C-alpha cells in the first residue's frame, strides 16, 4: 500500500472516531477520546519519522513549506490533546474542546490530502511510495505495541 493510501485510511478512521464520539455518553466519550489521542500520536509520529522526510527530500521549496506548516499543526494538536486529556468528559467545556480538536484535525487532514499528497505523488516513484507505506505500517504496529518506543 502506498504511503498516501496508508495515511488516507487513517484519515478516514479519525473521521469515523469523531463521528462516533459525537452524542455518546461521557464514559464512552472518554474511551473514544483515548483512542483518538493514541492514534493521532502514532499517526503524527509515522508522518514525522517517515513520510515528511521523504517529501522534504524532493527538494521543492513548496514541499518544505507545506511540511513545516504540518509540523506546526502537529504541535497545536498535541496541545489540544493534552488539554482535553486533563478534562472530565462531563465538564461543560469538554465538548467545545473536542469540537476544536475535530476541526483542527479535519483542517490538517484536508491540507495533507490536497497539498502534501500532491507533492508526494508528483515527485516520488510508485516504488518509493510503496516502500514508505510498508515502513509506515510496520512502524505503526510497533508503536501500538510499545508505549515507550
C-alpha atoms as a PDB file:
ATOM      1  CA  UNK A   1       0.000   0.000   0.000  1.00  0.00           C
ATOM      2  CA  UNK A   2       1.352   3.429  -0.945  1.00  0.00           C
ATOM      3  CA  UNK A   3       2.176   5.876   1.848  1.00  0.00           C
ATOM      4  CA  UNK A   4      -0.619   8.187   0.726  1.00  0.00           C
ATOM      5  CA  UNK A   5      -3.096   5.288   0.912  1.00  0.00           C
ATOM      6  CA  UNK A   6      -1.919   4.376   4.431  1.00  0.00           C
ATOM      7  CA  UNK A   7      -2.454   7.965   5.533  1.00  0.00           C
ATOM      8  CA  UNK A   8      -5.800   8.297   3.746  1.00  0.00           C
ATOM      9  CA  UNK A   9      -7.079   5.153   5.521  1.00  0.00           C
ATOM     10  CA  UNK A  10      -6.000   6.630   8.865  1.00  0.00           C
ATOM     11  CA  UNK A  11      -7.738   9.899   7.994  1.00  0.00           C
ATOM     12  CA  UNK A  12     -10.996   8.045   7.370  1.00  0.00           C
ATOM     13  CA  UNK A  13     -10.583   6.236  10.694  1.00  0.00           C
ATOM     14  CA  UNK A  14     -10.209   9.593  12.503  1.00  0.00           C
ATOM     15  CA  UNK A  15     -13.345  10.905  10.836  1.00  0.00           C
ATOM     16  CA  UNK A  16     -15.216   7.782  11.960  1.00  0.00           C
ATOM     17  CA  UNK A  17     -13.942   8.112  15.546  1.00  0.00           C
ATOM     18  CA  UNK A  18     -15.013  11.759  15.781  1.00  0.00           C
ATOM     19  CA  UNK A  19     -18.463  10.890  14.409  1.00  0.00           C
ATOM     20  CA  UNK A  20     -18.767   8.071  16.951  1.00  0.00           C
ATOM     21  CA  UNK A  21     -17.657  10.403  19.758  1.00  0.00           C
ATOM     22  CA  UNK A  22     -20.408  12.919  18.980  1.00  0.00           C
ATOM     23  CA  UNK A  23     -23.511  12.228  21.065  1.00  0.00           C
ATOM     24  CA  UNK A  24     -22.005   9.444  23.170  1.00  0.00           C
ATOM     25  CA  UNK A  25     -22.338   9.268  26.930  1.00  0.00           C
ATOM     26  CA  UNK A  26     -19.408  10.677  28.983  1.00  0.00           C
ATOM     27  CA  UNK A  27     -17.792   7.291  29.685  1.00  0.00           C
ATOM     28  CA  UNK A  28     -17.886   6.284  26.045  1.00  0.00           C
ATOM     29  CA  UNK A  29     -16.643   9.740  25.013  1.00  0.00           C
ATOM     30  CA  UNK A  30     -13.650   9.301  27.294  1.00  0.00           C
ATOM     31  CA  UNK A  31     -12.833   5.869  25.837  1.00  0.00           C
ATOM     32  CA  UNK A  32     -13.171   7.138  22.270  1.00  0.00           C
ATOM     33  CA  UNK A  33     -11.027  10.180  23.086  1.00  0.00           C
ATOM     34  CA  UNK A  34      -8.270   7.921  24.420  1.00  0.00           C
ATOM     35  CA  UNK A  35      -8.334   6.025  21.107  1.00  0.00           C
ATOM     36  CA  UNK A  36      -8.285   9.281  19.136  1.00  0.00           C
ATOM     37  CA  UNK A  37      -5.367  10.565  21.208  1.00  0.00           C
ATOM     38  CA  UNK A  38      -3.291   7.410  20.877  1.00  0.00           C
ATOM     39  CA  UNK A  39      -3.950   7.050  17.154  1.00  0.00           C
ATOM     40  CA  UNK A  40      -3.238  10.728  16.445  1.00  0.00           C
ATOM     41  CA  UNK A  41       0.049  10.472  18.333  1.00  0.00           C
ATOM     42  CA  UNK A  42       1.047   7.383  16.349  1.00  0.00           C
ATOM     43  CA  UNK A  43      -0.108   8.972  13.090  1.00  0.00           C
ATOM     44  CA  UNK A  44       1.925  12.129  13.723  1.00  0.00           C
ATOM     45  CA  UNK A  45       4.973  10.076  14.625  1.00  0.00           C
ATOM     46  CA  UNK A  46       4.958   7.980  11.440  1.00  0.00           C
ATOM     47  CA  UNK A  47       4.428  11.109   9.378  1.00  0.00           C
ATOM     48  CA  UNK A  48       7.284  12.909  11.109  1.00  0.00           C
ATOM     49  CA  UNK A  49       9.666   9.929  11.013  1.00  0.00           C
ATOM     50  CA  UNK A  50       8.921   8.502   7.571  1.00  0.00           C
ATOM     51  CA  UNK A  51       6.569  10.435   5.306  1.00  0.00           C
ATOM     52  CA  UNK A  52       7.538  14.072   5.800  1.00  0.00           C
ATOM     53  CA  UNK A  53      11.296  13.441   5.436  1.00  0.00           C
ATOM     54  CA  UNK A  54      10.648  11.721   2.096  1.00  0.00           C
ATOM     55  CA  UNK A  55       8.524  14.646   0.911  1.00  0.00           C
ATOM     56  CA  UNK A  56      11.133  17.190   2.021  1.00  0.00           C
ATOM     57  CA  UNK A  57      13.788  15.293   0.038  1.00  0.00           C
ATOM     58  CA  UNK A  58      12.044  16.152  -3.229  1.00  0.00           C
ATOM     59  CA  UNK A  59      13.859  19.476  -2.813  1.00  0.00           C
ATOM     60  CA  UNK A  60      10.830  21.587  -3.602  1.00  0.00           C
ATOM     61  CA  UNK A  61      10.500  24.849  -1.702  1.00  0.00           C
ATOM     62  CA  UNK A  62       6.766  24.317  -1.675  1.00  0.00           C
ATOM     63  CA  UNK A  63       7.163  20.828  -0.188  1.00  0.00           C
ATOM     64  CA  UNK A  64       9.404  22.157   2.589  1.00  0.00           C
ATOM     65  CA  UNK A  65       6.926  24.939   3.399  1.00  0.00           C
ATOM     66  CA  UNK A  66       3.980  22.531   3.470  1.00  0.00           C
ATOM     67  CA  UNK A  67       5.811  20.097   5.740  1.00  0.00           C
ATOM     68  CA  UNK A  68       6.859  22.963   8.044  1.00  0.00           C
ATOM     69  CA  UNK A  69       3.193  24.045   8.289  1.00  0.00           C
ATOM     70  CA  UNK A  70       2.134  20.466   9.024  1.00  0.00           C
ATOM     71  CA  UNK A  71       4.697  20.115  11.786  1.00  0.00           C
ATOM     72  CA  UNK A  72       3.366  23.316  13.374  1.00  0.00           C
ATOM     73  CA  UNK A  73      -0.156  21.898  13.148  1.00  0.00           C
ATOM     74  CA  UNK A  74       1.049  18.747  14.912  1.00  0.00           C
ATOM     75  CA  UNK A  75       2.264  20.893  17.822  1.00  0.00           C
ATOM     76  CA  UNK A  76      -1.111  22.636  18.070  1.00  0.00           C
ATOM     77  CA  UNK A  77      -2.871  19.268  18.057  1.00  0.00           C
ATOM     78  CA  UNK A  78      -0.545  17.969  20.788  1.00  0.00           C
ATOM     79  CA  UNK A  79      -1.527  20.917  22.969  1.00  0.00           C
ATOM     80  CA  UNK A  80      -5.240  20.317  22.420  1.00  0.00           C
ATOM     81  CA  UNK A  81      -4.845  16.607  23.145  1.00  0.00           C
ATOM     82  CA  UNK A  82      -3.002  17.337  26.393  1.00  0.00           C
ATOM     83  CA  UNK A  83      -5.628  19.867  27.452  1.00  0.00           C
ATOM     84  CA  UNK A  84      -8.558  17.549  26.733  1.00  0.00           C
ATOM     85  CA  UNK A  85      -6.797  14.636  28.399  1.00  0.00           C
ATOM     86  CA  UNK A  86      -6.883  16.570  31.681  1.00  0.00           C
ATOM     87  CA  UNK A  87     -10.605  17.330  31.405  1.00  0.00           C
ATOM     88  CA  UNK A  88     -13.588  15.415  32.685  1.00  0.00           C
ATOM     89  CA  UNK A  89     -15.943  14.421  29.858  1.00  0.00           C
ATOM     90  CA  UNK A  90     -18.784  15.883  31.965  1.00  0.00           C
ATOM     91  CA  UNK A  91     -17.107  19.307  32.005  1.00  0.00           C
ATOM     92  CA  UNK A  92     -19.148  21.903  30.113  1.00  0.00           C
ATOM     93  CA  UNK A  93     -16.099  22.910  28.070  1.00  0.00           C
ATOM     94  CA  UNK A  94     -15.184  19.330  27.122  1.00  0.00           C
ATOM     95  CA  UNK A  95     -17.406  19.179  24.040  1.00  0.00           C
ATOM     96  CA  UNK A  96     -16.177  22.622  22.943  1.00  0.00           C
ATOM     97  CA  UNK A  97     -12.554  21.469  23.122  1.00  0.00           C
ATOM     98  CA  UNK A  98     -13.376  18.231  21.280  1.00  0.00           C
ATOM     99  CA  UNK A  99     -15.047  20.312  18.565  1.00  0.00           C
ATOM    100  CA  UNK A 100     -11.930  22.486  18.327  1.00  0.00           C
ATOM    101  CA  UNK A 101      -9.791  19.341  18.094  1.00  0.00           C
ATOM    102  CA  UNK A 102     -12.028  17.791  15.431  1.00  0.00           C
ATOM    103  CA  UNK A 103     -11.969  20.986  13.356  1.00  0.00           C
ATOM    104  CA  UNK A 104      -8.178  21.276  13.673  1.00  0.00           C
ATOM    105  CA  UNK A 105      -7.696  17.628  12.745  1.00  0.00           C
ATOM    106  CA  UNK A 106     -10.061  17.905   9.783  1.00  0.00           C
ATOM    107  CA  UNK A 107      -8.296  21.036   8.518  1.00  0.00           C
ATOM    108  CA  UNK A 108      -4.935  19.261   8.856  1.00  0.00           C
ATOM    109  CA  UNK A 109      -6.188  16.135   7.060  1.00  0.00           C
ATOM    110  CA  UNK A 110      -7.649  18.160   4.176  1.00  0.00           C
ATOM    111  CA  UNK A 111      -4.450  20.160   3.867  1.00  0.00           C
ATOM    112  CA  UNK A 112      -2.399  16.988   3.834  1.00  0.00           C
ATOM    113  CA  UNK A 113      -4.633  15.292   1.270  1.00  0.00           C
ATOM    114  CA  UNK A 114      -4.647  18.317  -1.019  1.00  0.00           C
ATOM    115  CA  UNK A 115      -1.121  19.681  -0.655  1.00  0.00           C
ATOM    116  CA  UNK A 116       1.316  17.117   0.733  1.00  0.00           C
ATOM    117  CA  UNK A 117      -0.130  14.178  -1.174  1.00  0.00           C
ATOM    118  CA  UNK A 118       0.212  16.190  -4.390  1.00  0.00           C
ATOM    119  CA  UNK A 119       3.911  16.726  -3.668  1.00  0.00           C
ATOM    120  CA  UNK A 120       4.450  13.067  -2.802  1.00  0.00           C
ATOM    121  CA  UNK A 121       2.530  11.705  -5.785  1.00  0.00           C
ATOM    122  CA  UNK A 122       4.132  14.218  -8.122  1.00  0.00           C
ATOM    123  CA  UNK A 123       7.730  13.658  -7.075  1.00  0.00           C
ATOM    124  CA  UNK A 124       8.108  10.189  -5.538  1.00  0.00           C
ATOM    125  CA  UNK A 125       8.060   6.994  -7.555  1.00  0.00           C
ATOM    126  CA  UNK A 126       5.398   4.353  -7.043  1.00  0.00           C
ATOM    127  CA  UNK A 127       8.065   2.011  -5.667  1.00  0.00           C
ATOM    128  CA  UNK A 128       9.239   4.657  -3.181  1.00  0.00           C
ATOM    129  CA  UNK A 129       5.667   5.374  -2.063  1.00  0.00           C
ATOM    130  CA  UNK A 130       5.070   1.629  -1.613  1.00  0.00           C
ATOM    131  CA  UNK A 131       8.258   1.265   0.462  1.00  0.00           C
ATOM    132  CA  UNK A 132       7.388   4.226   2.670  1.00  0.00           C
ATOM    133  CA  UNK A 133       3.853   2.851   3.079  1.00  0.00           C
ATOM    134  CA  UNK A 134       5.194  -0.527   4.127  1.00  0.00           C
ATOM    135  CA  UNK A 135       7.603   1.101   6.582  1.00  0.00           C
ATOM    136  CA  UNK A 136       4.795   3.235   7.983  1.00  0.00           C
ATOM    137  CA  UNK A 137       2.529   0.253   8.557  1.00  0.00           C
ATOM    138  CA  UNK A 138       5.319  -1.672  10.312  1.00  0.00           C
ATOM    139  CA  UNK A 139       6.213   1.336  12.468  1.00  0.00           C
ATOM    140  CA  UNK A 140       2.564   1.868  13.381  1.00  0.00           C
ATOM    141  CA  UNK A 141       2.317  -1.735  14.595  1.00  0.00           C
ATOM    142  CA  UNK A 142       5.475  -1.347  16.678  1.00  0.00           C
ATOM    143  CA  UNK A 143       4.211   1.892  18.217  1.00  0.00           C
ATOM    144  CA  UNK A 144       0.880   0.343  19.137  1.00  0.00           C
ATOM    145  CA  UNK A 145       2.698  -2.456  20.908  1.00  0.00           C
ATOM    146  CA  UNK A 146       5.321  -0.388  22.692  1.00  0.00           C
ATOM    147  CA  UNK A 147       4.307   2.780  24.552  1.00  0.00           C
ATOM    148  CA  UNK A 148       7.928   3.723  25.286  1.00  0.00           C
ATOM    149  CA  UNK A 149       9.274   3.214  21.741  1.00  0.00           C
END
